[in-house]
Amino acid sequence: MNGWSYRAHTVDGRVREGVLQAVSAEDATRALVQNRLIPEWVKPAPKTARGISFGGRAKPLAMAFFARQFSTLIDAAVPLVHSLEICQDLTEDRRLKKALNQVIIDVQAGRSLADAMREHPHVFTDIFVNMVEAGEQGGVLDAILTRLAVYLEKSVALVGKVKTAMVYPAIILFVAFASAAVMLAFVVPTFQTMFASGGLTLPYPTQVLVNMSEYLQSNWMILLGALVGGSIFLRQAYGTSSGRFFFDNLFLRIPVLGDLLRKAAVARFSQSMASLLTSGANLIDALIASAGTAGNVVLQRALLRARPPIEAGQGISKPLAETGTIPRLVSRMVEVGEQTGHLDEMFEKIALFYEGEVDTAVERLMKAMEPALIVVVGFILGGMVVALYLPIFEALTTVGG
């Protein structure tokens, strides 16, 4: 089987583009015609287009919007393929649009919706596919899609809160250091010329500032290269398994921030477990899929360590407690859920509780950061201003004396 790029038209004139698998161009053309498409051209797909990732993951917000639209259409008894076509036309996410194009082709060819989506793991996650599969098998696709939409919307909101807490200080510090660099490059040289023409003796802080300015002007290309190279190195390192583990472990150890990340991970994991268990997924499949939603490799590996004991029949509460990374409250609540036979409902309660905890943690983090950022920014910029005016103050004092 080879990959074939195609451009075709529907009977009502809409354009379809995508990649399909076929032995030859003739087979690919035949498959398009069988699916009521009029081929414009079919050609071998570039190697970069033969994969299933379409260049990366679809945006979480786009997936949440798609799930909500799709669930509404299915609930309104709109035929499955037509619902997919409407969603494809409405979405602005390029990766999702391409994936839906192929999903429509596969569904029209007789494949189940879940199987068609499973071919695009960078767009449709395991949780998404498993819940759709459960909905198809149980004949409750509309209800499952509604629950999936709620889950994705909550997940997007949760991630947004965490990102806000992390991006805010980064922006403030970036502005502070950028302002300092501008002062060193343009403001300090002006003052330096003025000091030299006035024959002023520079105090130690001012001399240090002047030396920094001269170094920046002489080596700005080296410094810029080091900054860009360091950023690329960190990005590449974080992309490796060991590097991701190192940084994720480091983040968890940072006071306040680590607590926020842990609570957010528990909330997302619990949301996923509740959604999958309610949809009829078995415990092990739910655990495997949900562990990947934690957003932290350290916590993900800890959660997956619970799999062997569960397969041995121990249940899930004790293995979770033995991971050493999951809050004790979670394992105790899960234990109650196991005893009462309402594990899905208990995970729902855990998710709701930790969503509230994330809100509190974000508020605490912002309150803790604001005074610290004020001190740091004030020290950097205020210190530079004071150092620049020290020679003038000393000269005025000498003249006045």
Protein backbone atom coordinates (compact mmCIF):
# COMPACT_ATOMS: atom_id res chain seq x y z
CA MET A 1 0.00 0.00 0.00
CA ASN A 2 1.24 3.46 -0.92
CA GLY A 3 0.15 6.95 -0.01
CA TRP A 4 -1.66 8.96 -2.69
CA SER A 5 -2.43 12.65 -2.50
CA TYR A 6 -5.63 13.67 -4.21
CA ARG A 7 -7.87 16.60 -5.00
CA ALA A 8 -11.51 15.83 -5.73
CA HIS A 9 -14.96 17.40 -5.74
CA THR A 10 -18.19 16.30 -4.09
CA VAL A 11 -21.41 16.09 -6.08
CA ASP A 12 -22.39 19.51 -4.73
CA GLY A 13 -19.10 21.08 -5.84
CA ARG A 14 -17.12 21.18 -2.58
CA VAL A 15 -13.38 20.52 -2.76
CA ARG A 16 -11.82 17.58 -0.92
CA GLU A 17 -8.06 17.17 -0.50
CA GLY A 18 -6.16 14.53 1.40
CA VAL A 19 -4.07 11.38 1.39
CA LEU A 20 -5.36 7.82 1.06
CA GLN A 21 -3.72 4.40 1.02
CA ALA A 22 -3.98 2.32 -2.16
CA VAL A 23 -1.89 -0.06 -4.26
CA SER A 24 -1.93 2.15 -7.35
CA ALA A 25 -3.22 5.45 -8.65
CA GLU A 26 -6.02 3.57 -10.43
CA ASP A 27 -7.11 1.95 -7.16
CA ALA A 28 -6.99 5.31 -5.42
CA THR A 29 -9.12 6.88 -8.16
CA ARG A 30 -11.57 3.98 -7.97
CA ALA A 31 -11.86 4.41 -4.20
CA LEU A 32 -12.65 8.10 -4.62
CA VAL A 33 -15.33 7.40 -7.24
CA GLN A 34 -16.88 4.71 -5.03
CA ASN A 35 -17.18 7.34 -2.31
CA ARG A 36 -19.08 9.68 -4.62
CA LEU A 37 -16.11 11.97 -5.25
CA ILE A 38 -15.04 13.32 -8.64
CA PRO A 39 -11.20 13.15 -8.82
CA GLU A 40 -9.36 16.17 -10.20
CA TRP A 41 -5.93 14.60 -9.77
CA VAL A 42 -4.23 11.73 -7.93
CA LYS A 43 -0.47 11.57 -7.45
CA PRO A 44 2.08 9.90 -5.14
CA ALA A 45 2.07 11.58 -1.76
CA PRO A 46 5.32 13.21 -0.58
CA LYS A 47 7.01 11.32 2.22
CA THR A 48 6.07 14.08 4.66
CA ALA A 49 2.42 13.64 3.74
CA ARG A 50 2.29 9.85 3.99
CA GLY A 51 2.35 9.86 7.74
CA ILE A 52 -0.62 10.37 9.96
CA SER A 53 0.46 13.36 11.96
CA PHE A 54 -0.16 16.06 9.33
CA GLY A 55 2.74 18.05 10.73
CA GLY A 56 1.77 17.95 14.39
CA ARG A 57 -1.15 17.77 16.76
CA ALA A 58 -4.43 19.53 16.26
CA LYS A 59 -5.06 22.40 18.64
CA PRO A 60 -6.88 21.29 21.82
CA LEU A 61 -9.35 24.16 21.52
CA ALA A 62 -10.18 23.13 17.95
CA MET A 63 -10.77 19.55 19.12
CA ALA A 64 -13.07 20.73 21.91
CA PHE A 65 -15.02 22.88 19.46
CA PHE A 66 -15.25 19.96 17.02
CA ALA A 67 -16.52 17.58 19.71
CA ARG A 68 -19.20 20.08 20.76
CA GLN A 69 -20.32 20.68 17.16
CA PHE A 70 -20.25 16.98 16.32
CA SER A 71 -22.26 16.01 19.41
CA THR A 72 -24.87 18.67 18.62
CA LEU A 73 -25.26 17.46 15.04
CA ILE A 74 -25.50 13.78 16.00
CA ASP A 75 -27.99 14.62 18.75
CA ALA A 76 -30.08 16.44 16.12
CA ALA A 77 -30.17 13.20 14.08
CA VAL A 78 -28.01 14.57 11.26
CA PRO A 79 -26.47 11.59 9.38
CA LEU A 80 -22.95 10.68 10.48
CA VAL A 81 -21.11 11.47 7.25
CA HIS A 82 -22.99 14.72 6.74
CA SER A 83 -22.16 15.71 10.33
CA LEU A 84 -18.48 15.08 9.66
CA GLU A 85 -18.63 17.11 6.45
CA ILE A 86 -20.22 20.05 8.26
CA CYS A 87 -17.58 19.90 10.99
CA GLN A 88 -14.81 19.73 8.41
CA ASP A 89 -16.15 22.82 6.66
CA LEU A 90 -16.44 24.73 9.94
CA THR A 91 -13.08 23.92 11.51
CA GLU A 92 -10.15 26.25 10.87
CA ASP A 93 -7.52 23.84 12.17
CA ARG A 94 -5.58 22.57 9.15
CA ARG A 95 -4.59 19.26 10.73
CA LEU A 96 -8.10 18.46 11.92
CA LYS A 97 -9.56 19.42 8.53
CA LYS A 98 -7.21 17.03 6.70
CA ALA A 99 -7.83 14.23 9.17
CA LEU A 100 -11.61 14.63 8.90
CA ASN A 101 -11.32 14.51 5.13
CA GLN A 102 -9.75 11.06 5.33
CA VAL A 103 -12.13 9.94 8.09
CA ILE A 104 -15.08 10.78 5.82
CA ILE A 105 -13.56 8.70 3.02
CA ASP A 106 -12.97 5.74 5.35
CA VAL A 107 -16.44 5.88 6.91
CA GLN A 108 -18.05 6.01 3.47
CA ALA A 109 -15.96 2.95 2.58
CA GLY A 110 -17.55 1.04 5.45
CA ARG A 111 -15.11 1.49 8.32
CA SER A 112 -16.35 2.37 11.77
CA LEU A 113 -15.87 5.95 12.94
CA ALA A 114 -13.51 4.86 15.72
CA ASP A 115 -11.35 2.80 13.36
CA ALA A 116 -11.17 5.69 10.89
CA MET A 117 -10.14 8.10 13.65
CA ARG A 118 -7.57 5.66 15.02
CA GLU A 119 -5.51 6.17 11.85
CA HIS A 120 -4.79 9.75 12.97
CA PRO A 121 -3.37 9.54 16.51
CA HIS A 122 -1.84 13.03 16.34
CA VAL A 123 -5.34 14.43 15.91
CA PHE A 124 -7.62 11.98 17.72
CA THR A 125 -6.15 10.85 21.04
CA ASP A 126 -6.65 7.41 22.58
CA ILE A 127 -9.28 8.87 24.90
CA PHE A 128 -11.16 10.41 21.98
CA VAL A 129 -11.12 7.19 19.96
CA ASN A 130 -11.96 4.91 22.91
CA MET A 131 -14.97 7.02 23.87
CA VAL A 132 -16.21 7.17 20.28
CA GLU A 133 -15.80 3.40 20.00
CA ALA A 134 -17.80 2.88 23.21
CA GLY A 135 -20.51 5.18 21.88
CA GLU A 136 -20.73 3.29 18.60
CA GLN A 137 -20.87 -0.11 20.26
CA GLY A 138 -23.48 0.99 22.81
CA GLY A 139 -25.60 2.93 20.35
CA VAL A 140 -25.21 6.09 22.43
CA LEU A 141 -22.77 8.05 20.28
CA ASP A 142 -24.64 11.33 20.83
CA ALA A 143 -24.43 11.04 24.64
CA ILE A 144 -20.78 9.97 24.54
CA LEU A 145 -19.86 12.84 22.24
CA THR A 146 -21.55 15.29 24.61
CA ARG A 147 -19.52 13.91 27.52
CA LEU A 148 -16.38 14.02 25.37
CA ALA A 149 -17.05 17.67 24.51
CA VAL A 150 -17.43 18.52 28.20
CA TYR A 151 -14.20 16.66 29.01
CA LEU A 152 -12.22 18.45 26.30
CA GLU A 153 -13.60 21.86 27.27
CA LYS A 154 -12.65 21.29 30.91
CA SER A 155 -9.21 20.06 29.87
CA VAL A 156 -8.60 23.14 27.71
CA ALA A 157 -9.74 25.43 30.54
CA LEU A 158 -7.48 23.65 33.02
CA VAL A 159 -4.42 23.84 30.79
CA GLY A 160 -5.18 27.50 30.13
CA LYS A 161 -5.11 28.29 33.84
CA VAL A 162 -1.75 26.58 34.30
CA LYS A 163 -0.28 28.30 31.24
CA THR A 164 -1.49 31.67 32.48
CA ALA A 165 0.28 31.12 35.79
CA MET A 166 3.52 30.18 34.02
CA VAL A 167 3.48 32.65 31.12
CA TYR A 168 2.74 35.77 33.17
CA PRO A 169 6.08 35.86 35.06
CA ALA A 170 7.96 34.86 31.91
CA ILE A 171 6.54 37.86 30.03
CA ILE A 172 7.33 40.26 32.89
CA LEU A 173 10.91 39.02 33.17
CA PHE A 174 11.38 39.12 29.40
CA VAL A 175 10.24 42.75 29.28
CA ALA A 176 12.54 43.60 32.20
CA PHE A 177 15.63 42.03 30.63
CA ALA A 178 14.79 43.44 27.19
CA SER A 179 14.49 46.91 28.73
CA ALA A 180 17.82 46.41 30.48
CA ALA A 181 19.44 45.37 27.19
CA VAL A 182 18.08 48.47 25.44
CA MET A 183 19.44 50.68 28.23
CA LEU A 184 22.85 49.03 28.01
CA ALA A 185 22.96 49.35 24.23
CA PHE A 186 21.65 52.89 23.77
CA VAL A 187 21.13 54.82 27.02
CA VAL A 188 24.35 54.00 28.88
CA PRO A 189 26.65 55.03 25.95
CA THR A 190 24.96 58.46 25.91
CA PHE A 191 25.61 58.92 29.62
CA GLN A 192 29.15 57.58 29.17
CA THR A 193 29.90 60.29 26.59
CA MET A 194 28.49 62.92 28.93
CA PHE A 195 30.58 61.65 31.84
CA ALA A 196 33.76 61.68 29.73
CA SER A 197 33.18 65.22 28.45
CA GLY A 198 32.56 66.43 31.99
CA GLY A 199 35.63 64.68 33.36
CA LEU A 200 33.56 62.92 36.02
CA THR A 201 35.03 60.09 38.07
CA LEU A 202 32.77 57.06 37.85
CA PRO A 203 31.72 55.29 41.06
CA TYR A 204 32.08 51.51 41.13
CA PRO A 205 28.39 50.70 40.30
CA THR A 206 28.46 53.09 37.33
CA GLN A 207 31.78 51.67 36.09
CA VAL A 208 30.34 48.15 36.24
CA LEU A 209 27.34 49.32 34.20
CA VAL A 210 29.60 51.00 31.63
CA ASN A 211 31.74 47.85 31.35
CA MET A 212 28.60 45.76 30.78
CA SER A 213 27.46 48.19 28.08
CA GLU A 214 30.82 48.05 26.30
CA TYR A 215 30.87 44.25 26.48
CA LEU A 216 27.34 44.06 25.05
CA GLN A 217 28.21 46.38 22.16
CA SER A 218 31.39 44.46 21.34
CA ASN A 219 29.97 40.95 21.67
CA TRP A 220 26.26 41.28 20.92
CA MET A 221 26.44 38.77 18.07
CA ILE A 222 28.08 36.17 20.32
CA LEU A 223 25.55 36.80 23.09
CA LEU A 224 22.64 36.61 20.66
CA GLY A 225 24.01 33.39 19.19
CA ALA A 226 24.43 31.92 22.67
CA LEU A 227 20.86 32.88 23.54
CA VAL A 228 19.42 31.35 20.38
CA GLY A 229 21.65 28.27 20.66
CA GLY A 230 20.74 27.79 24.31
CA SER A 231 17.04 28.04 23.49
CA ILE A 232 17.37 25.47 20.72
CA PHE A 233 19.40 23.17 22.97
CA LEU A 234 16.82 23.33 25.75
CA ARG A 235 14.01 22.71 23.29
CA GLN A 236 15.80 19.71 21.80
CA ALA A 237 16.70 18.38 25.25
CA TYR A 238 13.09 18.65 26.38
CA GLY A 239 12.10 16.67 23.31
CA THR A 240 14.12 13.64 24.43
CA SER A 241 12.79 11.09 26.89
CA SER A 242 15.51 11.65 29.49
CA GLY A 243 15.44 15.43 29.05
CA ARG A 244 11.66 15.57 29.42
CA PHE A 245 11.86 13.47 32.57
CA PHE A 246 14.59 15.70 34.03
CA PHE A 247 12.73 18.96 33.41
CA ASP A 248 9.33 17.61 34.46
CA ASN A 249 10.87 16.34 37.68
CA LEU A 250 12.52 19.73 38.19
CA PHE A 251 9.23 21.56 37.68
CA LEU A 252 7.52 19.38 40.28
CA ARG A 253 10.17 20.34 42.85
CA ILE A 254 9.67 24.09 42.45
CA PRO A 255 7.70 25.44 45.44
CA VAL A 256 4.09 26.45 44.69
CA LEU A 257 4.53 25.76 40.94
CA GLY A 258 5.15 22.06 41.56
CA ASP A 259 2.03 21.87 43.71
CA LEU A 260 0.01 23.51 40.95
CA LEU A 261 1.32 21.14 38.27
CA ARG A 262 0.62 18.09 40.44
CA LYS A 263 -2.95 19.17 41.16
CA ALA A 264 -3.59 19.98 37.50
CA ALA A 265 -2.26 16.54 36.50
CA VAL A 266 -4.52 14.80 39.02
CA ALA A 267 -7.52 16.81 37.79
CA ARG A 268 -6.89 15.91 34.14
CA PHE A 269 -6.20 12.26 34.94
CA SER A 270 -9.39 12.03 36.99
CA GLN A 271 -11.45 13.77 34.31
CA SER A 272 -10.21 11.26 31.77
CA MET A 273 -10.80 8.24 34.02
CA ALA A 274 -14.34 9.39 34.80
CA SER A 275 -15.15 9.92 31.12
CA LEU A 276 -13.72 6.59 29.96
CA LEU A 277 -15.19 4.49 32.78
CA THR A 278 -18.61 6.06 32.28
CA SER A 279 -18.31 5.27 28.57
CA GLY A 280 -17.77 1.60 29.36
CA ALA A 281 -14.00 1.28 28.96
CA ASN A 282 -12.27 -1.31 31.13
CA LEU A 283 -10.07 -0.16 33.99
CA ILE A 284 -6.70 -1.00 32.42
CA ASP A 285 -7.47 0.67 29.08
CA ALA A 286 -8.78 3.71 30.95
CA LEU A 287 -5.60 3.87 33.05
CA ILE A 288 -3.28 3.62 30.03
CA ALA A 289 -5.14 6.30 28.09
CA SER A 290 -5.62 8.61 31.09
CA ALA A 291 -2.00 8.46 32.25
CA GLY A 292 -1.01 10.25 29.05
CA THR A 293 -3.22 13.22 29.94
CA ALA A 294 -1.23 14.05 33.09
CA GLY A 295 1.02 16.37 31.09
CA ASN A 296 4.05 15.36 33.14
CA VAL A 297 6.26 12.37 32.32
CA VAL A 298 7.18 11.75 35.97
CA LEU A 299 3.53 11.47 37.00
CA GLN A 300 2.66 9.53 33.85
CA ARG A 301 5.25 6.85 34.58
CA ALA A 302 4.12 6.70 38.20
CA LEU A 303 0.52 6.14 37.12
CA LEU A 304 1.52 3.43 34.64
CA ARG A 305 3.36 1.58 37.42
CA ALA A 306 -0.08 0.79 38.77
CA ARG A 307 -0.90 -1.31 35.71
CA PRO A 308 0.76 -4.66 36.67
CA PRO A 309 -0.92 -4.83 40.12
CA ILE A 310 -4.29 -4.01 38.54
CA GLU A 311 -3.79 -6.78 35.96
CA ALA A 312 -3.02 -9.09 38.89
CA GLY A 313 -6.41 -8.26 40.39
CA GLN A 314 -5.47 -5.81 43.15
CA GLY A 315 -7.82 -3.03 42.06
CA ILE A 316 -6.56 0.50 41.51
CA SER A 317 -6.62 2.28 44.88
CA LYS A 318 -3.69 0.43 46.47
CA PRO A 319 -1.40 0.65 43.38
CA LEU A 320 -2.12 4.39 43.15
CA ALA A 321 -1.20 4.85 46.81
CA GLU A 322 2.04 2.92 46.30
CA THR A 323 3.21 5.18 43.45
CA GLY A 324 4.30 7.77 46.02
CA THR A 325 3.45 10.66 43.70
CA ILE A 326 -0.35 10.68 43.85
CA PRO A 327 -1.97 12.55 46.79
CA ARG A 328 -3.21 10.25 49.53
CA LEU A 329 -6.66 11.81 49.30
CA VAL A 330 -7.00 10.50 45.75
CA SER A 331 -6.19 6.89 46.62
CA ARG A 332 -8.58 6.97 49.60
CA MET A 333 -11.43 8.38 47.52
CA VAL A 334 -10.75 5.80 44.80
CA GLU A 335 -10.84 3.09 47.47
CA VAL A 336 -14.30 4.26 48.51
CA GLY A 337 -15.37 4.25 44.86
CA GLU A 338 -14.20 0.66 44.46
CA GLN A 339 -16.02 -0.45 47.60
CA THR A 340 -19.29 1.17 46.57
CA GLY A 341 -19.07 0.17 42.91
CA HIS A 342 -19.18 3.78 41.73
CA LEU A 343 -15.60 4.28 40.62
CA ASP A 344 -16.54 6.49 37.67
CA GLU A 345 -18.56 8.83 39.89
CA MET A 346 -15.75 9.00 42.43
CA PHE A 347 -13.23 10.00 39.75
CA GLU A 348 -15.71 12.68 38.69
CA LYS A 349 -15.77 14.02 42.26
CA ILE A 350 -11.97 13.92 42.45
CA ALA A 351 -11.73 15.89 39.20
CA LEU A 352 -14.16 18.53 40.46
CA PHE A 353 -12.30 18.84 43.76
CA TYR A 354 -8.89 19.25 42.13
CA GLU A 355 -10.23 21.69 39.55
CA GLY A 356 -11.11 23.91 42.50
CA GLU A 357 -7.69 23.25 44.00
CA VAL A 358 -6.05 24.36 40.75
CA ASP A 359 -7.96 27.64 40.90
CA THR A 360 -6.73 28.16 44.46
CA ALA A 361 -3.16 27.18 43.56
CA VAL A 362 -3.12 29.59 40.59
CA GLU A 363 -4.33 32.39 42.85
CA ARG A 364 -1.66 31.56 45.43
CA LEU A 365 1.05 31.42 42.79
CA MET A 366 0.07 34.77 41.31
CA LYS A 367 0.00 36.38 44.76
CA ALA A 368 3.42 34.92 45.58
CA MET A 369 4.94 35.99 42.27
CA GLU A 370 3.73 39.59 42.14
CA PRO A 371 5.88 40.95 45.00
CA ALA A 372 8.84 38.83 43.89
CA LEU A 373 8.58 40.14 40.33
CA ILE A 374 8.29 43.72 41.57
CA VAL A 375 11.49 43.26 43.59
CA VAL A 376 13.37 41.66 40.68
CA VAL A 377 12.26 44.21 38.09
CA GLY A 378 12.87 47.08 40.50
CA PHE A 379 16.34 45.77 41.32
CA ILE A 380 17.31 45.43 37.65
CA LEU A 381 15.90 48.63 36.17
CA GLY A 382 15.97 50.76 39.31
CA GLY A 383 19.55 49.74 40.03
CA MET A 384 20.62 50.71 36.51
CA VAL A 385 18.96 54.14 36.77
CA VAL A 386 20.57 54.83 40.16
CA ALA A 387 23.98 53.73 38.86
CA LEU A 388 23.67 56.09 35.89
CA TYR A 389 22.89 59.12 38.05
CA LEU A 390 25.42 58.42 40.81
CA PRO A 391 28.25 60.43 39.13
CA ILE A 392 25.90 63.39 38.70
CA PHE A 393 24.80 63.24 42.33
CA GLU A 394 28.42 63.04 43.50
CA ALA A 395 29.41 65.97 41.26
CA LEU A 396 26.56 68.09 42.62
CA THR A 397 27.53 67.15 46.18
CA THR A 398 31.15 68.17 45.50
CA VAL A 399 30.11 71.49 43.98
CA GLY A 400 27.69 72.16 46.83
CA GLY A 401 30.34 71.37 49.39
